[in-house]
Amino acid sequence: MNLEYINGVIRQFEYYKNLGDKTFNQLSDNDFFWKYNDYSNSIAIIINHLAGNMLSRWTDFLNTDGEKEWRNRDNEFNDIITDKTALINRWNEGWNCLLSTLKSLKESDLNKVIYIRNEAHTITEAINRQLAHYPYHIGQIVFIGKMLTNNSWQSLSIPKGSSKEYNDKKFSIKKSIK
C-alpha cells in the first residue's frame, strides 16, 4: 500500500462529508432534531455518534486503541446537543480529526497494526472499516433530509430523470484523472 491509497481515501471521505454538509444546508434548525419515532435517531444524534466515533478512532491513531476510555458511546445516542451551531461544530471537529490524521500518515506507517477494542487491524483494514461505517450513517442523514424537505429537496448528485443529459455532458469532454 502506498500514499496514493491514502489520498484516494481522503477524497472519498471528503465527498461523504460534503454530502452531509449539502444536506445540512437544506434543513431548518428544527429538522436536525426530528425523529420518526422513539426508536429512531435524529440527524443530531447521528452527527454526535459520527463525531464521537471519529474522535475516538482517529485521536492518537497509531499509538492507542481506537475505542478510547473517555468515549461514552451510549451517550452519543441521547439528545445531548440541542443547538444546530453546536452540532455543526461537533461534526467539523470529528471530520478535522479524521482528515488531519489521514493527511499526517507516512508511507512507513502503512505497514503498522492498530487496535480497536483490542482487535488487531492493519491500517488498511482500520481505514476501510470507517470508510464503510461513515457513509452508512451519512446515507441515513441524507434520507432523513430528503423526507423532511419533501418537494424542496435539491439533489446531491444526478437529479431524477437527468441521467442522459448528465452522461452526454460527461462523455463530451476529454477523459481525465481526478
C-alpha atoms as a PDB file:
ATOM      1  CA  MET A   1       0.000   0.000   0.000  1.00  0.00           C
ATOM      2  CA  ASN A   2       1.193   3.495  -0.704  1.00  0.00           C
ATOM      3  CA  LEU A   3       0.180   7.054  -0.078  1.00  0.00           C
ATOM      4  CA  GLU A   4      -1.879   7.108  -3.293  1.00  0.00           C
ATOM      5  CA  TYR A   5      -4.355   4.839  -1.497  1.00  0.00           C
ATOM      6  CA  ILE A   6      -4.495   7.317   1.402  1.00  0.00           C
ATOM      7  CA  ASN A   7      -5.037  10.227  -0.988  1.00  0.00           C
ATOM      8  CA  GLY A   8      -7.913   8.342  -2.617  1.00  0.00           C
ATOM      9  CA  VAL A   9      -9.419   7.566   0.782  1.00  0.00           C
ATOM     10  CA  ILE A  10      -9.178  11.224   1.795  1.00  0.00           C
ATOM     11  CA  ARG A  11     -11.057  12.203  -1.381  1.00  0.00           C
ATOM     12  CA  GLN A  12     -13.770   9.637  -0.583  1.00  0.00           C
ATOM     13  CA  PHE A  13     -14.177  10.847   2.999  1.00  0.00           C
ATOM     14  CA  GLU A  14     -14.308  14.475   1.793  1.00  0.00           C
ATOM     15  CA  TYR A  15     -17.004  13.504  -0.718  1.00  0.00           C
ATOM     16  CA  TYR A  16     -19.171  11.969   2.018  1.00  0.00           C
ATOM     17  CA  LYS A  17     -18.621  14.916   4.355  1.00  0.00           C
ATOM     18  CA  ASN A  18     -19.740  17.165   1.512  1.00  0.00           C
ATOM     19  CA  LEU A  19     -22.973  15.154   1.118  1.00  0.00           C
ATOM     20  CA  GLY A  20     -23.692  15.757   4.798  1.00  0.00           C
ATOM     21  CA  ASP A  21     -22.847  19.460   4.522  1.00  0.00           C
ATOM     22  CA  LYS A  22     -25.104  19.886   1.481  1.00  0.00           C
ATOM     23  CA  THR A  23     -27.919  18.130   3.322  1.00  0.00           C
ATOM     24  CA  PHE A  24     -27.497  20.367   6.389  1.00  0.00           C
ATOM     25  CA  ASN A  25     -27.738  23.452   4.160  1.00  0.00           C
ATOM     26  CA  GLN A  26     -31.236  22.379   3.118  1.00  0.00           C
ATOM     27  CA  LEU A  27     -32.559  21.860   6.655  1.00  0.00           C
ATOM     28  CA  SER A  28     -34.209  24.126   9.172  1.00  0.00           C
ATOM     29  CA  ASP A  29     -32.762  24.203  12.678  1.00  0.00           C
ATOM     30  CA  ASN A  30     -35.632  22.047  13.965  1.00  0.00           C
ATOM     31  CA  ASP A  31     -35.115  19.423  11.251  1.00  0.00           C
ATOM     32  CA  PHE A  32     -31.879  18.321  12.915  1.00  0.00           C
ATOM     33  CA  PHE A  33     -33.846  17.079  15.927  1.00  0.00           C
ATOM     34  CA  TRP A  34     -36.789  15.353  14.203  1.00  0.00           C
ATOM     35  CA  LYS A  35     -37.192  11.614  14.865  1.00  0.00           C
ATOM     36  CA  TYR A  36     -39.596   9.284  13.131  1.00  0.00           C
ATOM     37  CA  ASN A  37     -40.291   7.559  16.460  1.00  0.00           C
ATOM     38  CA  ASP A  38     -38.678   6.942  19.843  1.00  0.00           C
ATOM     39  CA  TYR A  39     -36.601   4.081  18.427  1.00  0.00           C
ATOM     40  CA  SER A  40     -35.064   6.048  15.571  1.00  0.00           C
ATOM     41  CA  ASN A  41     -32.230   8.537  15.530  1.00  0.00           C
ATOM     42  CA  SER A  42     -32.426  12.175  14.617  1.00  0.00           C
ATOM     43  CA  ILE A  43     -29.816  13.776  12.399  1.00  0.00           C
ATOM     44  CA  ALA A  44     -28.465  15.408  15.572  1.00  0.00           C
ATOM     45  CA  ILE A  45     -27.899  12.020  17.185  1.00  0.00           C
ATOM     46  CA  ILE A  46     -26.258  10.621  14.057  1.00  0.00           C
ATOM     47  CA  ILE A  47     -23.931  13.641  13.917  1.00  0.00           C
ATOM     48  CA  ASN A  48     -22.998  13.217  17.566  1.00  0.00           C
ATOM     49  CA  HIS A  49     -22.356   9.490  17.083  1.00  0.00           C
ATOM     50  CA  LEU A  50     -20.215  10.037  13.985  1.00  0.00           C
ATOM     51  CA  ALA A  51     -18.161  12.727  15.710  1.00  0.00           C
ATOM     52  CA  GLY A  52     -17.718  10.578  18.808  1.00  0.00           C
ATOM     53  CA  ASN A  53     -16.548   7.669  16.680  1.00  0.00           C
ATOM     54  CA  MET A  54     -14.189   9.833  14.633  1.00  0.00           C
ATOM     55  CA  LEU A  55     -12.623  11.447  17.677  1.00  0.00           C
ATOM     56  CA  SER A  56     -12.159   8.077  19.353  1.00  0.00           C
ATOM     57  CA  ARG A  57     -10.818   6.230  16.317  1.00  0.00           C
ATOM     58  CA  TRP A  58      -8.525   8.919  14.908  1.00  0.00           C
ATOM     59  CA  THR A  59      -7.084  10.572  18.033  1.00  0.00           C
ATOM     60  CA  ASP A  60      -3.593   9.129  18.586  1.00  0.00           C
ATOM     61  CA  PHE A  61      -4.470   6.661  15.800  1.00  0.00           C
ATOM     62  CA  LEU A  62      -1.170   4.815  15.587  1.00  0.00           C
ATOM     63  CA  ASN A  63      -0.495   4.516  19.319  1.00  0.00           C
ATOM     64  CA  THR A  64      -3.669   3.869  21.319  1.00  0.00           C
ATOM     65  CA  ASP A  65      -6.727   1.656  20.965  1.00  0.00           C
ATOM     66  CA  GLY A  66      -9.380   3.192  18.716  1.00  0.00           C
ATOM     67  CA  GLU A  67     -12.016   2.823  21.428  1.00  0.00           C
ATOM     68  CA  LYS A  68     -10.831   5.447  23.896  1.00  0.00           C
ATOM     69  CA  GLU A  69     -11.601   5.183  27.601  1.00  0.00           C
ATOM     70  CA  TRP A  70     -13.036   8.717  27.562  1.00  0.00           C
ATOM     71  CA  ARG A  71     -15.602   7.906  24.878  1.00  0.00           C
ATOM     72  CA  ASN A  72     -19.164   7.427  26.102  1.00  0.00           C
ATOM     73  CA  ARG A  73     -20.738   5.784  23.054  1.00  0.00           C
ATOM     74  CA  ASP A  74     -24.110   5.193  24.710  1.00  0.00           C
ATOM     75  CA  ASN A  75     -24.415   8.900  25.466  1.00  0.00           C
ATOM     76  CA  GLU A  76     -23.939   9.693  21.760  1.00  0.00           C
ATOM     77  CA  PHE A  77     -27.447   8.327  21.197  1.00  0.00           C
ATOM     78  CA  ASN A  78     -29.088  10.727  23.645  1.00  0.00           C
ATOM     79  CA  ASP A  79     -30.358  14.190  22.802  1.00  0.00           C
ATOM     80  CA  ILE A  80     -27.458  15.990  24.464  1.00  0.00           C
ATOM     81  CA  ILE A  81     -26.758  18.614  21.796  1.00  0.00           C
ATOM     82  CA  THR A  82     -29.771  20.842  21.245  1.00  0.00           C
ATOM     83  CA  ASP A  83     -28.306  23.634  19.120  1.00  0.00           C
ATOM     84  CA  LYS A  84     -27.603  23.488  15.370  1.00  0.00           C
ATOM     85  CA  THR A  85     -24.391  25.527  15.658  1.00  0.00           C
ATOM     86  CA  ALA A  86     -23.034  23.187  18.341  1.00  0.00           C
ATOM     87  CA  LEU A  87     -23.922  20.203  16.145  1.00  0.00           C
ATOM     88  CA  ILE A  88     -22.113  21.610  13.121  1.00  0.00           C
ATOM     89  CA  ASN A  89     -19.091  22.379  15.316  1.00  0.00           C
ATOM     90  CA  ARG A  90     -19.129  18.796  16.618  1.00  0.00           C
ATOM     91  CA  TRP A  91     -19.465  17.447  13.055  1.00  0.00           C
ATOM     92  CA  ASN A  92     -16.480  19.513  11.912  1.00  0.00           C
ATOM     93  CA  GLU A  93     -14.427  18.560  14.975  1.00  0.00           C
ATOM     94  CA  GLY A  94     -14.799  14.877  14.104  1.00  0.00           C
ATOM     95  CA  TRP A  95     -14.005  15.385  10.427  1.00  0.00           C
ATOM     96  CA  ASN A  96     -10.999  17.579  11.211  1.00  0.00           C
ATOM     97  CA  CYS A  97      -9.602  14.866  13.481  1.00  0.00           C
ATOM     98  CA  LEU A  98     -10.098  12.174  10.823  1.00  0.00           C
ATOM     99  CA  LEU A  99      -8.739  14.153   7.885  1.00  0.00           C
ATOM    100  CA  SER A 100      -5.742  15.618   9.704  1.00  0.00           C
ATOM    101  CA  THR A 101      -4.793  12.129  10.918  1.00  0.00           C
ATOM    102  CA  LEU A 102      -5.030  10.641   7.438  1.00  0.00           C
ATOM    103  CA  LYS A 103      -3.028  13.533   5.967  1.00  0.00           C
ATOM    104  CA  SER A 104      -0.310  13.021   8.583  1.00  0.00           C
ATOM    105  CA  LEU A 105       0.295   9.359   7.725  1.00  0.00           C
ATOM    106  CA  LYS A 106       3.661   8.490   6.236  1.00  0.00           C
ATOM    107  CA  GLU A 107       4.347   5.589   3.939  1.00  0.00           C
ATOM    108  CA  SER A 108       6.246   3.869   6.784  1.00  0.00           C
ATOM    109  CA  ASP A 109       3.039   3.987   8.892  1.00  0.00           C
ATOM    110  CA  LEU A 110       1.077   1.951   6.392  1.00  0.00           C
ATOM    111  CA  ASN A 111       2.575  -1.376   7.489  1.00  0.00           C
ATOM    112  CA  LYS A 112       1.664  -0.878  11.148  1.00  0.00           C
ATOM    113  CA  VAL A 113      -1.093  -2.620  13.081  1.00  0.00           C
ATOM    114  CA  ILE A 114      -3.553  -0.723  15.274  1.00  0.00           C
ATOM    115  CA  TYR A 115      -6.235  -1.962  17.662  1.00  0.00           C
ATOM    116  CA  ILE A 116      -9.927  -1.249  18.011  1.00  0.00           C
ATOM    117  CA  ARG A 117     -11.373  -2.790  21.175  1.00  0.00           C
ATOM    118  CA  ASN A 118      -8.231  -4.946  21.395  1.00  0.00           C
ATOM    119  CA  GLU A 119      -8.841  -6.375  17.901  1.00  0.00           C
ATOM    120  CA  ALA A 120      -5.839  -6.006  15.582  1.00  0.00           C
ATOM    121  CA  HIS A 121      -6.354  -4.153  12.299  1.00  0.00           C
ATOM    122  CA  THR A 122      -3.922  -3.336   9.564  1.00  0.00           C
ATOM    123  CA  ILE A 123      -4.019   0.353   8.686  1.00  0.00           C
ATOM    124  CA  THR A 124      -5.951  -0.562   5.530  1.00  0.00           C
ATOM    125  CA  GLU A 125      -8.499  -2.591   7.498  1.00  0.00           C
ATOM    126  CA  ALA A 126      -8.970   0.206  10.027  1.00  0.00           C
ATOM    127  CA  ILE A 127      -9.475   2.795   7.294  1.00  0.00           C
ATOM    128  CA  ASN A 128     -11.819   0.569   5.283  1.00  0.00           C
ATOM    129  CA  ARG A 129     -13.846  -0.158   8.415  1.00  0.00           C
ATOM    130  CA  GLN A 130     -14.537   3.540   8.858  1.00  0.00           C
ATOM    131  CA  LEU A 131     -14.973   4.137   5.130  1.00  0.00           C
ATOM    132  CA  ALA A 132     -17.896   1.700   5.317  1.00  0.00           C
ATOM    133  CA  HIS A 133     -19.257   2.993   8.636  1.00  0.00           C
ATOM    134  CA  TYR A 134     -19.387   6.737   7.980  1.00  0.00           C
ATOM    135  CA  PRO A 135     -21.140   6.625   4.563  1.00  0.00           C
ATOM    136  CA  TYR A 136     -23.736   4.273   6.081  1.00  0.00           C
ATOM    137  CA  HIS A 137     -24.703   6.975   8.568  1.00  0.00           C
ATOM    138  CA  ILE A 138     -24.380   9.805   6.067  1.00  0.00           C
ATOM    139  CA  GLY A 139     -26.848   7.906   3.882  1.00  0.00           C
ATOM    140  CA  GLN A 140     -29.228   7.948   6.847  1.00  0.00           C
ATOM    141  CA  ILE A 141     -28.738  11.704   7.205  1.00  0.00           C
ATOM    142  CA  VAL A 142     -29.443  12.254   3.508  1.00  0.00           C
ATOM    143  CA  PHE A 143     -32.527  10.027   3.599  1.00  0.00           C
ATOM    144  CA  ILE A 144     -33.956  11.844   6.617  1.00  0.00           C
ATOM    145  CA  GLY A 145     -33.153  15.170   4.964  1.00  0.00           C
ATOM    146  CA  LYS A 146     -34.994  14.126   1.808  1.00  0.00           C
ATOM    147  CA  MET A 147     -38.051  13.115   3.828  1.00  0.00           C
ATOM    148  CA  LEU A 148     -38.068  16.371   5.785  1.00  0.00           C
ATOM    149  CA  THR A 149     -37.618  18.709   2.831  1.00  0.00           C
ATOM    150  CA  ASN A 150     -40.014  16.737   0.652  1.00  0.00           C
ATOM    151  CA  ASN A 151     -40.550  18.515  -2.686  1.00  0.00           C
ATOM    152  CA  SER A 152     -37.989  21.244  -1.972  1.00  0.00           C
ATOM    153  CA  TRP A 153     -35.091  18.748  -1.809  1.00  0.00           C
ATOM    154  CA  GLN A 154     -32.171  19.701  -4.047  1.00  0.00           C
ATOM    155  CA  SER A 155     -30.448  16.618  -5.450  1.00  0.00           C
ATOM    156  CA  LEU A 156     -26.899  15.967  -4.247  1.00  0.00           C
ATOM    157  CA  SER A 157     -25.972  14.018  -7.355  1.00  0.00           C
ATOM    158  CA  ILE A 158     -27.714  13.430 -10.679  1.00  0.00           C
ATOM    159  CA  PRO A 159     -31.306  14.695 -10.404  1.00  0.00           C
ATOM    160  CA  LYS A 160     -34.040  12.192 -11.132  1.00  0.00           C
ATOM    161  CA  GLY A 161     -34.727  11.973 -14.865  1.00  0.00           C
ATOM    162  CA  SER A 162     -31.461  13.714 -15.806  1.00  0.00           C
ATOM    163  CA  SER A 163     -29.098  10.778 -16.315  1.00  0.00           C
ATOM    164  CA  LYS A 164     -28.941  11.036 -20.115  1.00  0.00           C
ATOM    165  CA  GLU A 165     -28.226  14.772 -20.035  1.00  0.00           C
ATOM    166  CA  TYR A 166     -25.589  14.257 -17.326  1.00  0.00           C
ATOM    167  CA  ASN A 167     -23.889  11.395 -19.198  1.00  0.00           C
ATOM    168  CA  ASP A 168     -23.963  13.271 -22.508  1.00  0.00           C
ATOM    169  CA  LYS A 169     -22.173  16.186 -20.840  1.00  0.00           C
ATOM    170  CA  LYS A 170     -19.592  13.907 -19.172  1.00  0.00           C
ATOM    171  CA  PHE A 171     -18.837  11.986 -22.370  1.00  0.00           C
ATOM    172  CA  SER A 172     -18.481  15.214 -24.390  1.00  0.00           C
ATOM    173  CA  ILE A 173     -15.282  16.127 -22.537  1.00  0.00           C
ATOM    174  CA  LYS A 174     -11.835  14.504 -22.575  1.00  0.00           C
ATOM    175  CA  LYS A 175     -11.034  11.727 -20.144  1.00  0.00           C
ATOM    176  CA  SER A 176      -9.307  12.965 -17.010  1.00  0.00           C
ATOM    177  CA  ILE A 177      -7.822  11.718 -13.778  1.00  0.00           C
ATOM    178  CA  LYS A 178      -9.109  13.356 -10.612  1.00  0.00           C
END
